[in-house]
Protein backbone atom coordinates (compact mmCIF):
# COMPACT_ATOMS: atom_id res chain seq x y z
CA MET A 1 176.31 110.62 48.56
CA SER A 2 177.56 107.32 49.89
CA SER A 3 176.54 106.01 53.30
CA GLU A 4 180.15 106.38 54.40
CA GLU A 5 180.19 110.07 53.47
CA PHE A 6 176.81 110.54 55.17
CA CYS A 7 178.19 109.02 58.40
CA GLU A 8 181.19 111.33 58.16
CA TRP A 9 178.86 114.34 57.91
CA ILE A 10 176.98 113.13 60.99
CA ALA A 11 180.25 112.84 62.90
CA TYR A 12 181.34 116.29 61.68
CA TYR A 13 178.02 117.79 62.82
CA GLU A 14 178.46 116.25 66.29
CA MET A 15 181.84 118.01 66.60
CA ASN A 16 180.86 121.29 64.88
CA PRO A 17 177.09 121.85 64.85
CA PHE A 18 175.71 124.08 62.12
CA GLY A 19 172.30 125.17 60.96
CA PRO A 20 169.24 126.48 62.83
CA LYS A 21 170.10 124.86 66.16
CA ARG A 22 173.50 126.53 66.20
CA ASP A 23 171.92 129.85 65.19
CA ASP A 24 169.47 129.56 68.11
CA TYR A 25 172.40 128.95 70.45
CA HIS A 26 174.15 132.12 69.26
CA ALA A 27 170.98 134.20 69.60
CA ALA A 28 170.41 132.85 73.13
CA LEU A 29 174.00 133.66 74.09
CA ILE A 30 173.58 137.27 72.96
CA ALA A 31 170.22 137.60 74.72
CA LYS A 32 171.67 136.15 77.94
CA THR A 33 174.59 138.55 77.86
CA ILE A 34 172.36 141.59 77.38
CA ALA A 35 169.95 140.44 80.08
CA GLN A 36 172.79 139.71 82.52
CA VAL A 37 174.31 143.16 82.07
CA ASN A 38 170.94 144.78 82.81
CA ALA A 39 169.86 142.41 85.59
CA PRO A 40 169.66 143.41 89.25
CA LYS A 41 172.69 142.50 91.34
CA GLY A 42 172.64 138.83 92.27
CA LYS A 43 170.30 137.74 89.46
CA VAL A 44 171.96 135.06 87.33
CA PHE A 45 170.51 133.87 84.04
CA LYS A 46 171.19 130.50 82.44
CA LEU A 47 171.58 129.98 78.73
CA ASP A 48 168.58 127.64 78.80
CA ASP A 49 166.42 130.59 79.88
CA PHE A 50 166.84 131.96 76.36
CA MET A 51 166.92 128.80 74.22
CA LEU A 52 163.97 128.11 71.98
CA SER A 53 162.11 124.99 72.95
CA PHE A 54 159.81 123.15 70.59
CA LYS A 55 157.75 120.52 72.35
CA THR A 56 157.64 117.77 69.77
CA ARG A 57 157.64 114.05 70.22
CA ALA A 58 161.10 113.81 68.68
CA ALA A 59 162.44 116.45 71.07
CA GLN A 60 160.97 114.64 74.05
CA GLU A 61 162.64 111.39 73.07
CA ASP A 62 165.88 113.24 72.23
CA ARG A 63 167.84 110.13 71.44
CA LYS A 64 171.00 109.74 69.47
CA MET A 65 171.36 107.09 66.83
CA SER A 66 174.55 105.22 66.06
CA GLY A 67 175.90 105.16 62.52
CA ASP A 68 174.52 101.63 62.03
CA GLN A 69 171.07 102.72 63.21
CA VAL A 70 171.10 105.65 60.76
CA LEU A 71 172.06 103.34 57.90
CA SER A 72 169.35 100.85 58.87
CA PHE A 73 166.79 103.66 58.97
CA PHE A 74 167.64 104.87 55.46
CA ARG A 75 167.93 101.37 54.04
CA GLY A 76 164.44 100.71 55.37
CA MET A 77 163.20 103.73 53.41
CA GLN A 78 164.49 102.39 50.08
CA GLN A 79 161.81 101.24 47.72
CA PRO A 80 162.22 97.75 46.27
CA GLY A 81 163.43 97.82 42.69
CA ALA A 82 164.70 101.38 42.89
């Protein structure tokens, strides 16, 4: 896969997320809906109440990289002579 195609996939993912994170969102939405229907009057749940949260260093930093930063990262991983 070329770096250009890789950047296109990153942009596509930003517009239409897929994978485990998206699956967690759907599960949280269903759980929120069921909880809200059965909640006492006046109790309001937020979607974040049902989202999985993994406390990792990467999640705490939660930064987004530009396309150039992504390319620099992967170029830095290349082994000389490969």
